[in-house]
Protein backbone atom coordinates (compact mmCIF):
# COMPACT_ATOMS: atom_id res chain seq x y z
CA MET A 1 -0.29 16.29 -7.40
CA PRO A 2 -0.59 15.29 -4.43
CA TRP A 3 -3.04 12.63 -4.88
CA ILE A 4 -1.08 10.70 -7.15
CA LEU A 5 1.72 11.28 -4.61
CA LEU A 6 0.58 9.55 -2.23
CA VAL A 7 -0.36 7.03 -5.21
CA VAL A 8 3.49 6.37 -6.22
CA ALA A 9 3.49 5.59 -2.05
CA ALA A 10 1.26 3.45 -2.32
CA LEU A 11 2.76 1.43 -5.18
CA MET A 12 5.70 1.79 -2.53
CA GLU A 13 3.91 -0.14 -0.12
CA LEU A 14 2.72 -2.65 -2.38
CA VAL A 15 7.13 -2.88 -2.96
CA TRP A 16 8.29 -3.46 -0.28
CA ALA A 17 5.49 -5.32 1.76
CA THR A 18 5.80 -7.67 -0.56
CA ALA A 19 9.46 -7.92 -1.09
CA LEU A 20 9.52 -8.02 3.12
CA LYS A 21 7.67 -10.84 3.01
CA GLN A 22 10.19 -12.64 0.04
CA SER A 23 13.34 -11.03 2.46
CA GLU A 24 12.08 -14.51 4.79
CA GLY A 25 13.29 -12.15 8.18
CA PHE A 26 15.75 -10.12 6.66
CA THR A 27 18.37 -13.64 6.17
CA ARG A 28 17.60 -13.27 2.39
CA LEU A 29 20.21 -10.46 0.53
CA TRP A 30 18.11 -10.00 -2.91
CA PRO A 31 14.32 -8.89 -1.12
CA THR A 32 14.82 -7.01 1.71
CA VAL A 33 18.22 -4.73 -0.12
CA VAL A 34 14.59 -3.91 -1.94
CA GLY A 35 11.99 -3.44 0.12
CA VAL A 36 13.38 -1.03 3.38
CA PRO A 37 15.60 1.56 0.78
CA VAL A 38 11.20 0.93 -1.16
CA CYS A 39 9.93 2.04 2.08
CA LEU A 40 11.90 5.14 3.23
CA LEU A 41 10.32 5.61 0.24
CA SER A 42 7.94 4.98 0.03
CA VAL A 43 7.34 7.62 3.47
CA VAL A 44 9.40 10.17 1.88
CA VAL A 45 6.82 9.95 -0.45
CA LEU A 46 3.67 10.17 1.68
CA THR A 47 5.32 13.28 3.63
CA LEU A 48 5.26 15.55 0.38
CA ALA A 49 1.55 14.60 -0.50
CA LEU A 50 0.68 15.93 3.07
CA ARG A 51 2.04 18.71 2.01
CA ASP A 52 -1.15 18.85 0.96
CA LEU A 53 -3.51 16.60 2.32
CA PRO A 54 -4.72 15.76 5.76
CA VAL A 55 -2.99 13.16 7.53
CA GLY A 56 -6.34 11.16 8.88
CA THR A 57 -7.15 10.91 4.54
CA ALA A 58 -3.81 10.76 3.33
CA TYR A 59 -2.77 7.73 5.68
CA ALA A 60 -6.07 6.16 5.63
CA VAL A 61 -5.29 6.03 1.61
CA TRP A 62 -2.00 5.38 2.28
CA VAL A 63 -2.47 2.26 4.03
CA GLY A 64 -6.29 1.80 2.46
CA LEU A 65 -4.46 0.89 -0.94
CA GLY A 66 -1.04 -0.46 -0.73
CA SER A 67 -2.98 -3.56 1.48
CA LEU A 68 -5.26 -3.96 -1.56
CA GLY A 69 -2.10 -3.85 -3.40
CA VAL A 70 -0.78 -6.52 -0.96
CA ALA A 71 -3.36 -8.55 -0.62
CA VAL A 72 -4.58 -8.57 -4.49
CA THR A 73 -0.28 -10.01 -4.54
CA GLY A 74 -0.78 -12.32 -2.62
CA ILE A 75 -3.78 -13.89 -4.04
CA ALA A 76 -2.14 -13.71 -7.88
CA ALA A 77 0.86 -14.37 -7.06
CA LEU A 78 1.23 -16.09 -3.84
CA GLY A 79 -1.27 -18.36 -3.67
CA GLU A 80 -3.55 -17.17 -0.95
CA SER A 81 -6.79 -17.25 -0.54
CA ALA A 82 -9.11 -15.55 -2.55
CA SER A 83 -12.69 -16.50 0.19
CA PRO A 84 -15.50 -14.53 -0.95
CA GLN A 85 -15.11 -13.38 3.28
CA ARG A 86 -11.69 -11.77 1.93
CA LEU A 87 -12.98 -10.08 -1.29
CA THR A 88 -15.61 -8.81 0.22
CA CYS A 89 -14.17 -6.96 2.96
CA LEU A 90 -11.26 -5.77 0.08
CA GLY A 91 -13.77 -4.36 -1.09
CA LEU A 92 -14.66 -2.60 1.82
CA ILE A 93 -11.77 -1.32 1.68
CA LEU A 94 -11.66 0.22 -1.86
CA ILE A 95 -14.76 1.72 -0.96
CA GLY A 96 -13.65 3.31 1.92
CA VAL A 97 -10.73 4.88 0.29
CA ILE A 98 -13.25 5.82 -2.71
CA GLY A 99 -15.33 7.65 -0.61
CA LEU A 100 -12.35 9.73 1.02
CA LYS A 101 -11.04 10.68 -2.39
CA ALA A 102 -14.44 11.40 -3.43
CA ILE A 103 -14.83 13.68 0.49
CA GLU A 104 -11.60 15.59 0.27
CA GLY A 105 -11.29 16.22 -3.92
C-alpha cells in the first residue's frame, strides 16, 4: 500500500507542476486553483507513504516519478525537446526509481 500511495503522490506532482506552469506565475485563476490544492494533497499522500517507507527512498521516488511525468507531459503536450540526450537522462531517472523499488521491496 505505501508504494501505491507514493505513485499516487507522484501523479499528483505531475498535475500540480503542470498546472502551475499553466498558471503563468499565479496570474491565471483556474490553473492556480487546481495547482495549489493538488500540491498540498500530494505532500499529504507522500506523508502517508512515509509511515512505512524510508524517507530517502520515498522522496527520491516521489521526485523522480513526478519529474518523469512532468518531462513527458512537456514533450507530449507542450512541445518541449525530446532530444536523445534528454531522453537518456530521463531513462536514467527511471532506472534509479526502479532500482530503489527493487532494493526496498
